[in-house]
């Protein structure tokens, strides 16, 4: 029978448990003890002990097992004894502190009563509660007074407070929208709020899905391009609804407002100059009395705005066209600007300011000996940018072809991208024919007046 541990041939057996063990087991235990029960072993083939000898062997095995466990039991008993001593020491310390507190407490209470410290402590706590209550009442009174004062200032449409309140309210209103232009300008003048906001971005889907069932029973979904007219009309409704909500938000925020002038801006590309700028697509001036009297929730947004001074040019093919914004009086450079009464230097400065608002970097040349160059404008755009030569002609008669030829020569000499000739009158037929197909742009008096109106001027 093989060994129960190593599976090797056995050389002895335990006299107590009867297990067979091999030579490796005997070497591990010194050759005389069973690795399972630590009892004496006998050589294989020896007769197991019986009677008193068997009992003696069992007693010997038990004694040897107890001797093997004695070190670990001794360590456990040592740890338990140490922990018991620590607990006893803590109990003694607690008992001493309790006895000392009981013995000294009467003297301490008598000292506090004799010195009046207990009454003083109670008064101090009582006064502290009173002071805290007084501070809380004062804070509530100040908050109520601040709210009343704020309502009073908003009822009078006071400039600074109203502008701050409108800025916060409109920022919260526009936060859920994706704006095409990150713009939020607020100015309150004489109970009228002038608002400049970025228009909502055009996120109208350009395709519609159509689902149909084939003859075989399959359901097929296809995308069909949406007509441009439908897309433009959907964005038109989106812009007018946004404008109506902004006006209502302003009137609700500042009860003292009598009117709201709203202008919405979006990025545009100039059709002739090629650069991008922020153009106005909707401007409206609303008075509170009419708004509260006739505007209802069931009226479409565009129809509601049509009751007021509205600047809005929707086109089914081109989308929303640019209009002149409504700006505060201080924003306009000149009221009733008469272009024909300006001196040449003032006219050049006016054209330079207009080009700056169009997004150009401009520089005026010297008043005399300028080499046929009045203004040098640079377009900072990386693709369509470049140097532009500008000549200004304040004249009451038609500008002839000679001026256009001179500008064309200056553009070649300066290696400029293009040339612009601006006049308060108009150009002759020969001048317009010569400019065709060349990097020359002619801006007459009527076109100049339209550009000035779109960018905050008031020409006559």
Protein backbone atom coordinates (compact mmCIF):
# COMPACT_ATOMS: atom_id res chain seq x y z
CA UNK A 1 0.00 0.00 0.00
CA UNK A 2 1.59 3.38 -1.01
CA UNK A 3 2.30 6.28 1.36
CA UNK A 4 -0.79 8.50 1.99
CA UNK A 5 1.31 11.68 1.48
CA UNK A 6 3.92 11.02 -1.22
CA UNK A 7 2.48 7.90 -2.84
CA UNK A 8 5.88 6.14 -2.47
CA UNK A 9 6.40 2.62 -1.17
CA UNK A 10 5.88 2.49 2.60
CA UNK A 11 8.49 1.50 5.14
CA UNK A 12 6.52 1.91 8.39
CA UNK A 13 3.05 2.48 9.82
CA UNK A 14 1.65 4.55 12.67
CA UNK A 15 0.81 2.55 15.80
CA UNK A 16 -2.14 4.85 16.61
CA UNK A 17 -3.88 5.89 13.38
CA UNK A 18 -2.52 3.04 11.30
CA UNK A 19 -1.47 5.21 8.36
CA UNK A 20 1.28 3.97 6.06
CA UNK A 21 4.31 6.27 5.72
CA UNK A 22 7.38 6.26 3.51
CA UNK A 23 11.06 6.93 4.14
CA UNK A 24 10.64 10.66 3.24
CA UNK A 25 7.97 11.06 5.93
CA UNK A 26 10.28 9.37 8.49
CA UNK A 27 13.14 11.68 7.52
CA UNK A 28 10.89 14.75 7.96
CA UNK A 29 9.78 13.72 11.48
CA UNK A 30 13.03 12.25 12.70
CA UNK A 31 12.07 8.66 11.86
CA UNK A 32 10.00 7.98 14.97
CA UNK A 33 6.76 10.03 14.70
CA UNK A 34 3.74 9.95 12.42
CA UNK A 35 3.37 13.17 10.34
CA UNK A 36 -0.42 13.04 10.87
CA UNK A 37 -0.87 12.44 14.62
CA UNK A 38 2.72 12.65 15.93
CA UNK A 39 2.40 9.09 17.38
CA UNK A 40 5.25 6.55 17.37
CA UNK A 41 5.68 4.52 14.23
CA UNK A 42 6.67 0.90 13.81
CA UNK A 43 8.52 -0.79 11.01
CA UNK A 44 6.44 -2.33 8.27
CA UNK A 45 5.35 -5.83 9.19
CA UNK A 46 5.64 -5.19 12.95
CA UNK A 47 2.67 -6.23 15.05
CA UNK A 48 0.63 -3.24 16.37
CA UNK A 49 0.74 -2.85 20.09
CA UNK A 50 -2.24 -3.94 22.16
CA UNK A 51 -3.49 -3.49 25.70
CA UNK A 52 -1.35 -1.34 28.06
CA UNK A 53 1.31 -0.80 25.44
CA UNK A 54 -1.24 0.66 23.01
CA UNK A 55 -2.54 3.03 25.70
CA UNK A 56 1.00 4.08 26.58
CA UNK A 57 1.71 4.85 22.96
CA UNK A 58 -1.44 7.00 22.68
CA UNK A 59 -0.51 8.91 25.83
CA UNK A 60 2.98 9.46 24.48
CA UNK A 61 1.58 10.73 21.17
CA UNK A 62 -0.77 13.16 22.93
CA UNK A 63 2.07 14.47 25.08
CA UNK A 64 4.24 15.04 22.05
CA UNK A 65 1.37 16.87 20.23
CA UNK A 66 0.83 19.12 23.26
CA UNK A 67 4.55 19.85 23.37
CA UNK A 68 4.37 20.94 19.67
CA UNK A 69 1.48 23.33 20.44
CA UNK A 70 2.98 24.75 23.60
CA UNK A 71 4.98 27.68 21.99
CA UNK A 72 1.95 29.16 20.20
CA UNK A 73 -0.30 28.73 23.25
CA UNK A 74 2.29 30.43 25.40
CA UNK A 75 2.45 33.46 23.04
CA UNK A 76 -1.36 33.77 23.02
CA UNK A 77 -1.52 33.61 26.80
CA UNK A 78 1.21 36.28 27.03
CA UNK A 79 -0.74 38.65 24.71
CA UNK A 80 -3.96 38.12 26.63
CA UNK A 81 -2.22 38.85 29.91
CA UNK A 82 -0.70 42.08 28.55
CA UNK A 83 -4.05 43.29 27.21
CA UNK A 84 -5.76 42.51 30.50
CA UNK A 85 -3.16 44.57 32.38
CA UNK A 86 -3.72 47.54 30.03
CA UNK A 87 -7.50 47.40 30.54
CA UNK A 88 -7.01 47.21 34.30
CA UNK A 89 -4.72 50.27 34.20
CA UNK A 90 -7.30 52.25 32.23
CA UNK A 91 -10.02 51.33 34.67
CA UNK A 92 -7.83 52.52 37.54
CA UNK A 93 -7.19 55.88 35.78
CA UNK A 94 -10.90 56.39 35.16
CA UNK A 95 -11.68 55.58 38.75
CA UNK A 96 -9.12 58.11 40.01
CA UNK A 97 -10.45 60.86 37.72
CA UNK A 98 -14.00 60.17 38.88
CA UNK A 99 -13.02 60.36 42.51
CA UNK A 100 -11.09 63.61 41.95
CA UNK A 101 -13.99 65.20 40.09
CA UNK A 102 -16.42 64.22 42.88
CA UNK A 103 -14.11 65.66 45.53
CA UNK A 104 -13.32 68.94 43.74
CA UNK A 105 -16.71 69.70 42.12
CA UNK A 106 -18.36 71.26 45.21
CA UNK A 107 -15.43 73.67 45.71
CA UNK A 108 -15.52 74.63 42.01
CA UNK A 109 -19.27 75.32 42.07
CA UNK A 110 -18.91 77.37 45.24
CA UNK A 111 -16.16 79.44 43.62
CA UNK A 112 -18.28 80.08 40.50
CA UNK A 113 -21.29 81.11 42.59
CA UNK A 114 -19.20 83.32 44.86
CA UNK A 115 -17.63 85.17 41.95
CA UNK A 116 -20.90 85.48 40.04
CA UNK A 117 -19.35 83.76 37.05
CA UNK A 118 -22.36 81.57 36.40
CA UNK A 119 -24.68 84.57 36.10
CA UNK A 120 -22.18 86.36 33.91
CA UNK A 121 -21.89 83.32 31.70
CA UNK A 122 -25.67 83.12 31.35
CA UNK A 123 -25.89 86.85 30.54
CA UNK A 124 -23.13 86.51 27.97
CA UNK A 125 -24.91 83.64 26.25
CA UNK A 126 -28.20 85.51 26.37
CA UNK A 127 -26.64 88.68 24.91
CA UNK A 128 -24.95 86.65 22.21
CA UNK A 129 -28.27 85.16 21.18
CA UNK A 130 -29.80 88.62 21.16
CA UNK A 131 -26.94 89.97 19.07
CA UNK A 132 -27.30 87.13 16.55
CA UNK A 133 -31.03 87.70 16.32
CA UNK A 134 -30.46 91.44 15.86
CA UNK A 135 -27.95 90.81 13.07
CA UNK A 136 -30.33 88.41 11.33
CA UNK A 137 -33.19 90.93 11.56
CA UNK A 138 -30.92 93.69 10.22
CA UNK A 139 -29.82 91.51 7.31
CA UNK A 140 -33.45 90.75 6.41
CA UNK A 141 -34.35 94.45 6.57
CA UNK A 142 -31.39 95.40 4.36
CA UNK A 143 -32.23 92.68 1.84
CA UNK A 144 -35.85 93.81 1.70
CA UNK A 145 -34.75 97.44 1.33
CA UNK A 146 -32.32 96.49 -1.43
CA UNK A 147 -35.05 94.61 -3.26
CA UNK A 148 -37.43 97.57 -2.89
CA UNK A 149 -34.76 99.98 -4.11
CA UNK A 150 -33.95 97.71 -7.06
CA UNK A 151 -37.64 97.51 -8.01
CA UNK A 152 -37.92 101.28 -7.68
CA UNK A 153 -34.87 101.84 -9.91
CA UNK A 154 -36.14 99.32 -12.46
CA UNK A 155 -39.54 101.02 -12.39
CA UNK A 156 -37.79 104.27 -13.28
CA UNK A 157 -35.56 102.44 -15.83
CA UNK A 158 -32.42 103.83 -14.19
CA UNK A 159 -29.53 103.34 -16.61
CA UNK A 160 -26.85 101.40 -14.72
CA UNK A 161 -29.16 99.12 -12.75
CA UNK A 162 -31.38 98.48 -15.77
CA UNK A 163 -28.43 97.67 -18.01
CA UNK A 164 -27.05 95.18 -15.48
CA UNK A 165 -30.45 93.54 -15.03
CA UNK A 166 -31.04 93.36 -18.80
CA UNK A 167 -27.58 91.94 -19.42
CA UNK A 168 -28.14 89.13 -16.91
CA UNK A 169 -31.66 88.40 -18.14
CA UNK A 170 -30.73 88.36 -21.83
CA UNK A 171 -27.66 86.23 -21.15
CA UNK A 172 -29.94 83.68 -19.50
CA UNK A 173 -32.44 83.96 -22.36
CA UNK A 174 -29.87 83.40 -25.12
CA UNK A 175 -27.97 80.63 -23.32
CA UNK A 176 -30.09 77.74 -24.74
CA UNK A 177 -29.67 79.08 -28.31
CA UNK A 178 -26.75 78.52 -30.66
CA UNK A 179 -25.95 82.07 -31.76
CA UNK A 180 -24.42 82.92 -35.10
CA UNK A 181 -22.71 86.00 -33.61
CA UNK A 182 -21.55 86.16 -29.95
CA UNK A 183 -22.91 89.67 -29.33
CA UNK A 184 -24.71 91.15 -26.30
CA UNK A 185 -24.72 94.93 -26.04
CA UNK A 186 -27.22 96.75 -23.83
CA UNK A 187 -27.71 100.48 -23.36
CA UNK A 188 -30.62 102.22 -21.64
CA UNK A 189 -31.24 105.87 -22.58
CA UNK A 190 -34.34 107.81 -21.50
CA UNK A 191 -36.41 104.69 -20.70
CA UNK A 192 -35.50 103.09 -24.04
CA UNK A 193 -33.37 99.95 -24.17
CA UNK A 194 -31.10 99.58 -27.19
CA UNK A 195 -30.25 95.89 -27.55
CA UNK A 196 -27.75 94.32 -29.94
CA UNK A 197 -27.83 90.53 -29.93
CA UNK A 198 -26.41 87.79 -32.07
CA UNK A 199 -29.06 86.14 -34.22
CA UNK A 200 -29.72 82.41 -33.77
CA UNK A 201 -27.62 80.21 -36.01
CA UNK A 202 -29.26 78.69 -39.06
CA UNK A 203 -29.78 75.08 -38.00
CA UNK A 204 -32.73 74.30 -40.26
CA UNK A 205 -32.36 70.79 -41.77
CA UNK A 206 -31.44 70.91 -45.46
CA UNK A 207 -32.98 67.51 -46.21
CA UNK A 208 -36.23 65.75 -45.37
CA UNK A 209 -36.74 62.03 -44.96
CA UNK A 210 -39.39 60.21 -46.95
CA UNK A 211 -40.56 56.72 -46.05
CA UNK A 212 -42.33 54.50 -48.57
CA UNK A 213 -43.29 50.87 -48.88
CA UNK A 214 -42.19 48.91 -51.95
CA UNK A 215 -44.28 46.34 -53.77
CA UNK A 216 -42.38 43.58 -52.04
CA UNK A 217 -43.36 45.00 -48.65
CA UNK A 218 -40.02 46.57 -47.71
CA UNK A 219 -39.99 49.99 -46.01
CA UNK A 220 -37.43 52.29 -47.65
CA UNK A 221 -36.34 55.65 -46.19
CA UNK A 222 -34.73 58.20 -48.50
CA UNK A 223 -33.49 61.75 -48.03
CA UNK A 224 -34.79 64.45 -50.30
CA UNK A 225 -33.20 67.93 -50.56
CA UNK A 226 -35.41 70.53 -48.98
CA UNK A 227 -36.33 73.48 -51.22
CA UNK A 228 -34.34 76.62 -50.49
CA UNK A 229 -37.56 78.57 -50.09
CA UNK A 230 -38.75 76.28 -47.32
CA UNK A 231 -35.36 76.47 -45.56
CA UNK A 232 -35.31 80.28 -45.72
CA UNK A 233 -38.88 80.53 -44.45
CA UNK A 234 -38.12 78.19 -41.55
CA UNK A 235 -35.09 80.26 -40.54
CA UNK A 236 -37.18 83.42 -40.97
CA UNK A 237 -39.69 82.10 -38.43
CA UNK A 238 -36.86 81.10 -36.11
CA UNK A 239 -35.33 84.61 -36.15
CA UNK A 240 -38.63 86.43 -35.60
CA UNK A 241 -39.56 84.11 -32.73
CA UNK A 242 -36.17 84.73 -31.14
CA UNK A 243 -36.64 88.51 -31.50
CA UNK A 244 -40.10 88.39 -29.97
CA UNK A 245 -38.85 86.42 -26.98
CA UNK A 246 -35.93 88.84 -26.42
CA UNK A 247 -38.28 91.86 -26.48
CA UNK A 248 -40.67 90.21 -24.03
CA UNK A 249 -37.75 89.32 -21.74
CA UNK A 250 -36.54 92.94 -21.72
CA UNK A 251 -39.98 94.38 -20.98
CA UNK A 252 -40.56 91.87 -18.15
CA UNK A 253 -37.13 92.49 -16.60
CA UNK A 254 -37.35 96.32 -16.43
CA UNK A 255 -40.94 97.47 -15.78
CA UNK A 256 -39.94 101.11 -16.30
CA UNK A 257 -38.96 100.69 -19.95
CA UNK A 258 -41.16 102.55 -22.38
CA UNK A 259 -39.56 101.18 -25.56
CA UNK A 260 -37.13 98.50 -26.77
CA UNK A 261 -34.95 98.81 -29.88
CA UNK A 262 -33.63 95.39 -30.89
CA UNK A 263 -31.05 94.65 -33.58
CA UNK A 264 -29.97 91.10 -34.48
CA UNK A 265 -26.59 90.50 -36.12
CA UNK A 266 -25.13 87.57 -38.04
CA UNK A 267 -21.86 87.01 -39.97
CA UNK A 268 -22.04 88.15 -43.59
CA UNK A 269 -19.71 88.34 -46.56
CA UNK A 270 -19.51 91.63 -48.39
CA UNK A 271 -20.72 91.03 -51.98
CA UNK A 272 -18.03 93.20 -53.60
CA UNK A 273 -15.21 93.59 -51.09
CA UNK A 274 -15.20 89.91 -50.13
CA UNK A 275 -14.49 90.20 -46.40
CA UNK A 276 -16.67 89.02 -43.52
CA UNK A 277 -18.40 91.36 -41.10
CA UNK A 278 -21.34 91.36 -38.70
CA UNK A 279 -24.46 92.49 -40.56
CA UNK A 280 -27.88 93.28 -39.15
CA UNK A 281 -30.77 91.13 -40.41
CA UNK A 282 -33.56 92.42 -38.17
CA UNK A 283 -34.15 95.71 -36.38
CA UNK A 284 -37.35 96.76 -34.66
CA UNK A 285 -38.45 99.55 -32.30
CA UNK A 286 -41.25 98.49 -29.94
CA UNK A 287 -43.18 100.66 -27.48
CA UNK A 288 -44.56 99.02 -24.35
CA UNK A 289 -48.08 100.45 -24.54
CA UNK A 290 -48.78 99.04 -27.99
CA UNK A 291 -47.02 95.76 -27.24
CA UNK A 292 -49.05 95.05 -24.12
CA UNK A 293 -52.29 96.09 -25.80
CA UNK A 294 -52.19 94.12 -29.06
CA UNK A 295 -49.56 91.37 -28.80
CA UNK A 296 -50.97 87.95 -27.88
CA UNK A 297 -49.44 84.51 -27.72
CA UNK A 298 -51.54 83.19 -30.61
CA UNK A 299 -50.20 85.84 -33.03
CA UNK A 300 -47.23 84.69 -35.20
CA UNK A 301 -43.98 86.39 -34.28
CA UNK A 302 -43.46 88.14 -37.62
CA UNK A 303 -47.04 89.43 -37.68
CA UNK A 304 -46.59 90.79 -34.17
CA UNK A 305 -43.40 92.64 -35.14
CA UNK A 306 -45.05 94.08 -38.25
CA UNK A 307 -47.15 96.32 -35.96
CA UNK A 308 -44.03 98.36 -35.16
CA UNK A 309 -41.15 100.07 -36.97
CA UNK A 310 -39.60 96.89 -38.37
CA UNK A 311 -36.57 96.60 -40.63
CA UNK A 312 -36.71 93.07 -42.02
CA UNK A 313 -35.99 91.99 -45.60
CA UNK A 314 -36.64 88.26 -46.08
CA UNK A 315 -36.08 86.77 -49.51
CA UNK A 316 -37.17 83.26 -50.46
CA UNK A 317 -34.08 82.68 -52.58
CA UNK A 318 -31.33 84.73 -50.87
CA UNK A 319 -32.48 84.37 -47.27
CA UNK A 320 -32.41 87.37 -44.92
CA UNK A 321 -30.93 90.50 -46.44
CA UNK A 322 -28.99 93.12 -44.51
CA UNK A 323 -30.82 96.08 -42.97
CA UNK A 324 -29.70 99.13 -41.02
CA UNK A 325 -29.54 98.54 -37.25
CA UNK A 326 -31.24 100.79 -34.72
CA UNK A 327 -28.46 102.32 -32.65
CA UNK A 328 -28.50 104.67 -29.65
CA UNK A 329 -28.21 108.39 -30.43
CA UNK A 330 -24.64 108.51 -29.15
CA UNK A 331 -23.51 105.77 -31.53
CA UNK A 332 -24.27 107.80 -34.66
CA UNK A 333 -21.34 109.96 -35.67
CA UNK A 334 -23.39 112.75 -37.21
CA UNK A 335 -27.16 113.33 -37.38
CA UNK A 336 -28.39 114.63 -40.70
CA UNK A 337 -24.96 114.27 -42.29
CA UNK A 338 -24.73 116.35 -45.48
CA UNK A 339 -22.11 114.71 -47.67
CA UNK A 340 -21.91 117.65 -50.09
CA UNK A 341 -21.10 120.15 -47.31
CA UNK A 342 -18.12 118.17 -45.97
CA UNK A 343 -14.64 119.41 -46.77
CA UNK A 344 -12.37 116.93 -48.60
CA UNK A 345 -10.40 115.96 -45.47
CA UNK A 346 -13.58 115.30 -43.46
CA UNK A 347 -14.95 113.26 -46.38
CA UNK A 348 -11.81 111.11 -46.44
CA UNK A 349 -12.08 110.58 -42.68
CA UNK A 350 -15.72 109.57 -43.09
CA UNK A 351 -14.84 106.99 -45.76
CA UNK A 352 -11.99 105.68 -43.60
CA UNK A 353 -14.37 105.23 -40.65
CA UNK A 354 -16.84 103.40 -42.88
CA UNK A 355 -14.14 101.01 -44.13
CA UNK A 356 -13.07 100.38 -40.51
CA UNK A 357 -16.61 99.38 -39.61
CA UNK A 358 -16.60 97.10 -42.64
CA UNK A 359 -13.65 95.26 -41.11
CA UNK A 360 -10.67 96.85 -42.85
CA UNK A 361 -7.46 98.18 -41.34
CA UNK A 362 -7.20 101.72 -42.73
CA UNK A 363 -4.55 104.42 -42.88
CA UNK A 364 -5.01 107.97 -44.17
CA UNK A 365 -2.24 109.45 -46.31
CA UNK A 366 -0.99 113.03 -46.27
CA UNK A 367 -3.50 115.70 -47.37
CA UNK A 368 -1.22 116.79 -50.25
CA UNK A 369 1.28 115.03 -52.51
CA UNK A 370 -0.36 111.72 -51.76
CA UNK A 371 0.40 110.22 -55.18
CA UNK A 372 -3.28 109.68 -55.98
CA UNK A 373 -3.83 107.66 -52.76
CA UNK A 374 -6.20 109.00 -50.09
CA UNK A 375 -6.66 105.84 -47.98
CA UNK A 376 -4.75 102.56 -47.79
CA UNK A 377 -6.99 99.74 -46.58
CA UNK A 378 -5.92 96.20 -45.78
CA UNK A 379 -8.21 93.20 -45.60
CA UNK A 380 -6.93 90.85 -42.83
CA UNK A 381 -8.75 87.79 -44.23
CA UNK A 382 -6.24 85.04 -45.19
CA UNK A 383 -7.74 84.12 -48.60
CA UNK A 384 -9.54 87.21 -49.90
CA UNK A 385 -7.33 89.73 -48.10
CA UNK A 386 -4.88 92.16 -49.56
CA UNK A 387 -3.96 95.81 -50.01
CA UNK A 388 -6.60 98.19 -51.38
CA UNK A 389 -6.05 101.71 -52.71
CA UNK A 390 -8.93 104.13 -52.06
CA UNK A 391 -9.50 107.52 -53.70
CA UNK A 392 -12.21 109.91 -52.48
CA UNK A 393 -13.86 112.44 -54.81
CA UNK A 394 -16.28 114.91 -53.17
CA UNK A 395 -17.87 116.36 -56.28
CA UNK A 396 -21.25 117.50 -57.54
CA UNK A 397 -20.50 116.55 -61.16
CA UNK A 398 -19.92 113.19 -62.77
CA UNK A 399 -16.50 111.58 -62.28
CA UNK A 400 -14.96 110.91 -65.70
CA UNK A 401 -12.84 108.13 -67.09
CA UNK A 402 -9.56 110.02 -66.42
CA UNK A 403 -9.89 109.55 -62.65
CA UNK A 404 -10.56 105.84 -63.12
CA UNK A 405 -7.48 105.48 -65.39
CA UNK A 406 -5.33 107.26 -62.81
CA UNK A 407 -6.53 104.92 -60.05
CA UNK A 408 -5.89 101.88 -62.26
CA UNK A 409 -2.30 103.03 -62.81
CA UNK A 410 -1.77 103.57 -59.07
CA UNK A 411 -3.10 100.06 -58.30
CA UNK A 412 -0.55 98.54 -60.71
CA UNK A 413 2.28 100.72 -59.41
CA UNK A 414 1.53 99.85 -55.77
CA UNK A 415 0.89 96.17 -56.61
CA UNK A 416 -2.40 96.39 -54.74
CA UNK A 417 -5.20 93.84 -54.85
CA UNK A 418 -7.80 96.31 -56.05
CA UNK A 419 -8.76 99.99 -56.11
CA UNK A 420 -11.91 101.74 -54.86
CA UNK A 421 -13.08 105.10 -56.12
CA UNK A 422 -15.68 106.78 -53.85
CA UNK A 423 -17.62 109.87 -54.83
CA UNK A 424 -20.62 111.86 -53.60
CA UNK A 425 -22.02 112.14 -57.14
CA UNK A 426 -21.85 109.43 -59.83
CA UNK A 427 -19.64 108.14 -62.67
CA UNK A 428 -19.82 108.72 -66.39
CA UNK A 429 -20.65 105.93 -68.79
CA UNK A 430 -17.06 105.88 -70.09
CA UNK A 431 -15.73 105.48 -66.55
CA UNK A 432 -17.99 102.51 -65.83
CA UNK A 433 -17.07 100.86 -69.16
CA UNK A 434 -13.36 101.27 -68.44
CA UNK A 435 -13.71 99.76 -64.93
CA UNK A 436 -15.44 96.60 -66.19
CA UNK A 437 -13.21 93.53 -65.90
CA UNK A 438 -10.55 95.40 -63.92
CA UNK A 439 -9.74 95.31 -60.19
CA UNK A 440 -11.54 98.65 -59.79
CA UNK A 441 -14.75 99.22 -57.79
CA UNK A 442 -16.81 102.36 -58.25
CA UNK A 443 -18.99 103.54 -55.32
CA UNK A 444 -21.35 106.35 -56.25
CA UNK A 445 -23.30 108.71 -54.01
CA UNK A 446 -26.42 106.55 -53.69
CA UNK A 447 -24.47 103.37 -52.90
CA UNK A 448 -22.32 105.32 -50.42
CA UNK A 449 -25.41 106.62 -48.64
CA UNK A 450 -26.81 103.07 -48.32
CA UNK A 451 -23.55 101.81 -46.83
CA UNK A 452 -23.45 104.71 -44.37
CA UNK A 453 -27.03 104.05 -43.21
CA UNK A 454 -26.28 100.35 -42.69
CA UNK A 455 -23.38 101.18 -40.42
CA UNK A 456 -24.80 103.81 -38.11
CA UNK A 457 -24.58 107.07 -40.06
CA UNK A 458 -27.43 109.33 -41.11
CA UNK A 459 -26.52 110.90 -44.47
CA UNK A 460 -28.60 113.40 -46.44
